[in-house]
Amino acid sequence: MSMPSIPKEPHRPNRKEVAIDLLESIALEEIALSHIMNAEAEKIQAFVGKHLNFPTHPESRDIIKFNKGVNQLLETIVMKEWLLLKKLENVMEFMDKDKHHHKDKHHHHDESSSDDSSSDDSSSDDSSSDDSSSDEDKHHHKDKHHHHDESSLDESSDVSLQESSDES
């Protein structure tokens, strides 16, 4: 059995459009979760009553059953939030790889005219570091470089992490 392949189409989105679509999907899922949580809060308010008088006069087992249902929903929302966080991390990595891909193209194009362009590539930073520096220093430098790349996303993607990098 052969692997399925996606046919080429003239209107296929580019990498930047894909990243924007993924970020939009995360935002839409977050909005949906907020609506679910708001509906659950209203349900709790109706069950407990405006004056905390339990207007339906539930028995203890009914309150426990209701509480378990709320707890299950909140656990599901927490799991979904974790999945959305992982999706966001993957999109950020995808965008970071795309940015490095463009830098590498630019780096190879300008290689003959610039001697200091090797500092743009994080792998060259690690390989060119002095043997006397500790692994911890190398890891710290790499993390700082990676954090800088994440906070300087393309402006047209409607994602602005610039404010957070300005605050730090």
C-alpha atoms as a PDB file:
ATOM      1  CA  MET A   1       0.000   0.000   0.000  1.00  0.00           C
ATOM      2  CA  SER A   2       1.443   3.381  -0.942  1.00  0.00           C
ATOM      3  CA  MET A   3       1.411   6.506   1.186  1.00  0.00           C
ATOM      4  CA  PRO A   4      -1.230   9.078   0.300  1.00  0.00           C
ATOM      5  CA  SER A   5       0.041  12.251  -1.277  1.00  0.00           C
ATOM      6  CA  ILE A   6      -1.462  15.691  -1.384  1.00  0.00           C
ATOM      7  CA  PRO A   7      -1.864  16.902  -4.945  1.00  0.00           C
ATOM      8  CA  LYS A   8      -0.411  20.273  -5.877  1.00  0.00           C
ATOM      9  CA  GLU A   9      -2.982  23.005  -6.160  1.00  0.00           C
ATOM     10  CA  PRO A  10      -2.633  26.561  -7.399  1.00  0.00           C
ATOM     11  CA  HIS A  11      -4.255  28.019  -4.261  1.00  0.00           C
ATOM     12  CA  ARG A  12      -2.320  26.096  -1.633  1.00  0.00           C
ATOM     13  CA  PRO A  13      -1.351  28.347   1.310  1.00  0.00           C
ATOM     14  CA  ASN A  14       2.297  29.150   1.936  1.00  0.00           C
ATOM     15  CA  ARG A  15       4.042  28.436   5.273  1.00  0.00           C
ATOM     16  CA  LYS A  16       3.238  31.870   6.682  1.00  0.00           C
ATOM     17  CA  GLU A  17      -0.477  31.508   5.878  1.00  0.00           C
ATOM     18  CA  VAL A  18      -0.502  28.043   7.444  1.00  0.00           C
ATOM     19  CA  ALA A  19       1.017  29.427  10.656  1.00  0.00           C
ATOM     20  CA  ILE A  20      -1.564  32.233  10.750  1.00  0.00           C
ATOM     21  CA  ASP A  21      -4.390  29.726  10.193  1.00  0.00           C
ATOM     22  CA  LEU A  22      -3.089  27.535  13.021  1.00  0.00           C
ATOM     23  CA  LEU A  23      -2.858  30.512  15.395  1.00  0.00           C
ATOM     24  CA  GLU A  24      -6.392  31.543  14.446  1.00  0.00           C
ATOM     25  CA  SER A  25      -7.638  28.015  15.128  1.00  0.00           C
ATOM     26  CA  ILE A  26      -6.053  28.125  18.600  1.00  0.00           C
ATOM     27  CA  ALA A  27      -7.738  31.467  19.294  1.00  0.00           C
ATOM     28  CA  LEU A  28     -11.121  30.144  18.129  1.00  0.00           C
ATOM     29  CA  GLU A  29     -10.787  27.064  20.342  1.00  0.00           C
ATOM     30  CA  GLU A  30      -9.916  29.284  23.308  1.00  0.00           C
ATOM     31  CA  ILE A  31     -13.042  31.361  22.649  1.00  0.00           C
ATOM     32  CA  ALA A  32     -15.155  28.192  22.477  1.00  0.00           C
ATOM     33  CA  LEU A  33     -13.715  26.986  25.794  1.00  0.00           C
ATOM     34  CA  SER A  34     -14.503  30.334  27.399  1.00  0.00           C
ATOM     35  CA  HIS A  35     -18.122  30.015  26.246  1.00  0.00           C
ATOM     36  CA  ILE A  36     -18.334  26.499  27.693  1.00  0.00           C
ATOM     37  CA  MET A  37     -16.898  27.687  31.008  1.00  0.00           C
ATOM     38  CA  ASN A  38     -19.307  30.632  31.100  1.00  0.00           C
ATOM     39  CA  ALA A  39     -22.274  28.313  30.454  1.00  0.00           C
ATOM     40  CA  GLU A  40     -21.079  25.993  33.227  1.00  0.00           C
ATOM     41  CA  ALA A  41     -20.766  28.951  35.613  1.00  0.00           C
ATOM     42  CA  GLU A  42     -24.345  29.979  34.819  1.00  0.00           C
ATOM     43  CA  LYS A  43     -25.497  26.401  35.408  1.00  0.00           C
ATOM     44  CA  ILE A  44     -23.755  26.388  38.799  1.00  0.00           C
ATOM     45  CA  GLN A  45     -25.342  29.725  39.707  1.00  0.00           C
ATOM     46  CA  ALA A  46     -28.788  28.379  38.796  1.00  0.00           C
ATOM     47  CA  PHE A  47     -28.219  25.199  40.827  1.00  0.00           C
ATOM     48  CA  VAL A  48     -26.942  27.030  43.907  1.00  0.00           C
ATOM     49  CA  GLY A  49     -29.349  29.960  43.599  1.00  0.00           C
ATOM     50  CA  LYS A  50     -28.808  33.692  43.765  1.00  0.00           C
ATOM     51  CA  HIS A  51     -29.051  33.681  47.538  1.00  0.00           C
ATOM     52  CA  LEU A  52     -27.180  30.363  47.996  1.00  0.00           C
ATOM     53  CA  ASN A  53     -30.493  28.748  48.944  1.00  0.00           C
ATOM     54  CA  PHE A  54     -30.490  25.821  46.460  1.00  0.00           C
ATOM     55  CA  PRO A  55     -33.939  26.574  44.954  1.00  0.00           C
ATOM     56  CA  THR A  56     -34.447  22.984  43.727  1.00  0.00           C
ATOM     57  CA  HIS A  57     -33.824  21.673  47.270  1.00  0.00           C
ATOM     58  CA  PRO A  58     -31.373  18.948  46.188  1.00  0.00           C
ATOM     59  CA  GLU A  59     -30.331  16.142  48.478  1.00  0.00           C
ATOM     60  CA  SER A  60     -26.681  15.683  49.409  1.00  0.00           C
ATOM     61  CA  ARG A  61     -26.183  12.973  46.780  1.00  0.00           C
ATOM     62  CA  ASP A  62     -27.596  15.349  44.110  1.00  0.00           C
ATOM     63  CA  ILE A  63     -25.108  18.038  45.111  1.00  0.00           C
ATOM     64  CA  ILE A  64     -22.254  15.511  45.003  1.00  0.00           C
ATOM     65  CA  LYS A  65     -23.383  14.241  41.590  1.00  0.00           C
ATOM     66  CA  PHE A  66     -23.636  17.807  40.279  1.00  0.00           C
ATOM     67  CA  ASN A  67     -20.185  18.626  41.681  1.00  0.00           C
ATOM     68  CA  LYS A  68     -18.669  15.550  40.002  1.00  0.00           C
ATOM     69  CA  GLY A  69     -20.113  16.650  36.661  1.00  0.00           C
ATOM     70  CA  VAL A  70     -18.613  20.118  37.047  1.00  0.00           C
ATOM     71  CA  ASN A  71     -15.290  18.575  38.051  1.00  0.00           C
ATOM     72  CA  GLN A  72     -15.260  16.307  34.972  1.00  0.00           C
ATOM     73  CA  LEU A  73     -15.930  19.256  32.685  1.00  0.00           C
ATOM     74  CA  LEU A  74     -13.147  21.301  34.280  1.00  0.00           C
ATOM     75  CA  GLU A  75     -10.714  18.379  33.949  1.00  0.00           C
ATOM     76  CA  THR A  76     -11.621  18.098  30.267  1.00  0.00           C
ATOM     77  CA  ILE A  77     -11.058  21.821  29.788  1.00  0.00           C
ATOM     78  CA  VAL A  78      -7.672  21.617  31.514  1.00  0.00           C
ATOM     79  CA  MET A  79      -6.661  18.761  29.204  1.00  0.00           C
ATOM     80  CA  LYS A  80      -7.828  20.725  26.167  1.00  0.00           C
ATOM     81  CA  GLU A  81      -5.858  23.766  27.356  1.00  0.00           C
ATOM     82  CA  TRP A  82      -2.751  21.587  27.643  1.00  0.00           C
ATOM     83  CA  LEU A  83      -3.277  20.345  24.079  1.00  0.00           C
ATOM     84  CA  LEU A  84      -3.720  23.921  22.855  1.00  0.00           C
ATOM     85  CA  LEU A  85      -0.498  24.912  24.618  1.00  0.00           C
ATOM     86  CA  LYS A  86       1.343  22.079  22.846  1.00  0.00           C
ATOM     87  CA  LYS A  87      -0.225  23.147  19.547  1.00  0.00           C
ATOM     88  CA  LEU A  88       0.946  26.720  20.149  1.00  0.00           C
ATOM     89  CA  GLU A  89       4.465  25.511  20.975  1.00  0.00           C
ATOM     90  CA  ASN A  90       4.510  23.498  17.745  1.00  0.00           C
ATOM     91  CA  VAL A  91       3.331  26.497  15.716  1.00  0.00           C
ATOM     92  CA  MET A  92       6.026  28.657  17.322  1.00  0.00           C
ATOM     93  CA  GLU A  93       8.646  26.033  16.445  1.00  0.00           C
ATOM     94  CA  PHE A  94       7.265  25.847  12.902  1.00  0.00           C
ATOM     95  CA  MET A  95       7.510  29.629  12.578  1.00  0.00           C
ATOM     96  CA  ASP A  96      11.011  29.626  14.084  1.00  0.00           C
ATOM     97  CA  LYS A  97      12.159  26.985  11.586  1.00  0.00           C
ATOM     98  CA  ASP A  98      10.638  29.014   8.767  1.00  0.00           C
ATOM     99  CA  LYS A  99      12.479  32.116   9.957  1.00  0.00           C
ATOM    100  CA  HIS A 100      15.785  30.207  10.151  1.00  0.00           C
ATOM    101  CA  HIS A 101      15.099  28.794   6.684  1.00  0.00           C
ATOM    102  CA  HIS A 102      14.784  32.341   5.332  1.00  0.00           C
ATOM    103  CA  LYS A 103      17.902  33.448   7.251  1.00  0.00           C
ATOM    104  CA  ASP A 104      19.860  30.526   5.812  1.00  0.00           C
ATOM    105  CA  LYS A 105      18.809  31.477   2.288  1.00  0.00           C
ATOM    106  CA  HIS A 106      19.777  35.085   2.980  1.00  0.00           C
ATOM    107  CA  HIS A 107      23.007  33.934   4.683  1.00  0.00           C
ATOM    108  CA  HIS A 108      24.086  31.860   1.681  1.00  0.00           C
ATOM    109  CA  HIS A 109      23.206  34.698  -0.676  1.00  0.00           C
ATOM    110  CA  ASP A 110      25.223  37.294   1.266  1.00  0.00           C
ATOM    111  CA  GLU A 111      27.993  34.987   2.435  1.00  0.00           C
ATOM    112  CA  SER A 112      30.615  36.564   0.207  1.00  0.00           C
ATOM    113  CA  SER A 113      29.822  40.104   1.388  1.00  0.00           C
ATOM    114  CA  SER A 114      29.544  39.522   5.155  1.00  0.00           C
ATOM    115  CA  ASP A 115      31.939  37.854   7.563  1.00  0.00           C
ATOM    116  CA  ASP A 116      29.826  38.215  10.724  1.00  0.00           C
ATOM    117  CA  SER A 117      26.617  36.623   9.417  1.00  0.00           C
ATOM    118  CA  SER A 118      27.494  33.314  11.081  1.00  0.00           C
ATOM    119  CA  SER A 119      26.263  34.756  14.378  1.00  0.00           C
ATOM    120  CA  ASP A 120      22.681  34.529  13.021  1.00  0.00           C
ATOM    121  CA  ASP A 121      22.741  30.719  13.114  1.00  0.00           C
ATOM    122  CA  SER A 122      22.346  29.214  16.594  1.00  0.00           C
ATOM    123  CA  SER A 123      24.127  26.003  15.601  1.00  0.00           C
ATOM    124  CA  SER A 124      27.196  27.937  14.514  1.00  0.00           C
ATOM    125  CA  ASP A 125      27.174  29.752  17.873  1.00  0.00           C
ATOM    126  CA  ASP A 126      27.426  26.415  19.664  1.00  0.00           C
ATOM    127  CA  SER A 127      30.050  24.942  17.369  1.00  0.00           C
ATOM    128  CA  SER A 128      32.256  28.025  17.371  1.00  0.00           C
ATOM    129  CA  SER A 129      32.251  28.400  21.151  1.00  0.00           C
ATOM    130  CA  ASP A 130      35.481  27.918  22.979  1.00  0.00           C
ATOM    131  CA  ASP A 131      36.225  24.464  24.502  1.00  0.00           C
ATOM    132  CA  SER A 132      36.990  26.059  27.866  1.00  0.00           C
ATOM    133  CA  SER A 133      33.406  27.308  28.304  1.00  0.00           C
ATOM    134  CA  SER A 134      31.158  24.969  30.263  1.00  0.00           C
ATOM    135  CA  ASP A 135      28.189  23.078  28.827  1.00  0.00           C
ATOM    136  CA  GLU A 136      25.949  25.099  31.126  1.00  0.00           C
ATOM    137  CA  ASP A 137      27.186  28.360  29.552  1.00  0.00           C
ATOM    138  CA  LYS A 138      26.554  26.963  26.082  1.00  0.00           C
ATOM    139  CA  HIS A 139      23.041  25.861  27.077  1.00  0.00           C
ATOM    140  CA  HIS A 140      22.290  29.276  28.619  1.00  0.00           C
ATOM    141  CA  HIS A 141      23.506  31.063  25.470  1.00  0.00           C
ATOM    142  CA  LYS A 142      21.427  28.790  23.249  1.00  0.00           C
ATOM    143  CA  ASP A 143      18.309  29.343  25.404  1.00  0.00           C
ATOM    144  CA  LYS A 144      18.807  33.129  25.246  1.00  0.00           C
ATOM    145  CA  HIS A 145      19.186  32.949  21.458  1.00  0.00           C
ATOM    146  CA  HIS A 146      16.085  30.731  21.139  1.00  0.00           C
ATOM    147  CA  HIS A 147      14.035  33.060  23.386  1.00  0.00           C
ATOM    148  CA  HIS A 148      15.100  36.050  21.291  1.00  0.00           C
ATOM    149  CA  ASP A 149      13.971  34.293  18.109  1.00  0.00           C
ATOM    150  CA  GLU A 150      10.557  33.483  19.601  1.00  0.00           C
ATOM    151  CA  SER A 151       9.970  37.061  20.696  1.00  0.00           C
ATOM    152  CA  SER A 152      10.718  38.546  17.274  1.00  0.00           C
ATOM    153  CA  LEU A 153       7.966  37.060  15.108  1.00  0.00           C
ATOM    154  CA  ASP A 154       7.002  38.483  11.740  1.00  0.00           C
ATOM    155  CA  GLU A 155       4.669  41.485  12.222  1.00  0.00           C
ATOM    156  CA  SER A 156       2.279  40.467   9.444  1.00  0.00           C
ATOM    157  CA  SER A 157       1.293  37.272  11.278  1.00  0.00           C
ATOM    158  CA  ASP A 158      -0.787  39.396  13.693  1.00  0.00           C
ATOM    159  CA  VAL A 159       1.069  37.846  16.620  1.00  0.00           C
ATOM    160  CA  SER A 160       2.858  40.390  18.734  1.00  0.00           C
ATOM    161  CA  LEU A 161       5.177  39.112  21.411  1.00  0.00           C
ATOM    162  CA  GLN A 162       7.199  42.317  21.178  1.00  0.00           C
ATOM    163  CA  GLU A 163       5.409  43.737  24.252  1.00  0.00           C
ATOM    164  CA  SER A 164       6.499  40.813  26.397  1.00  0.00           C
ATOM    165  CA  SER A 165      10.090  41.092  25.222  1.00  0.00           C
ATOM    166  CA  ASP A 166      10.038  44.842  25.938  1.00  0.00           C
ATOM    167  CA  GLU A 167       8.814  44.178  29.483  1.00  0.00           C
ATOM    168  CA  SER A 168      11.601  41.704  30.251  1.00  0.00           C
END
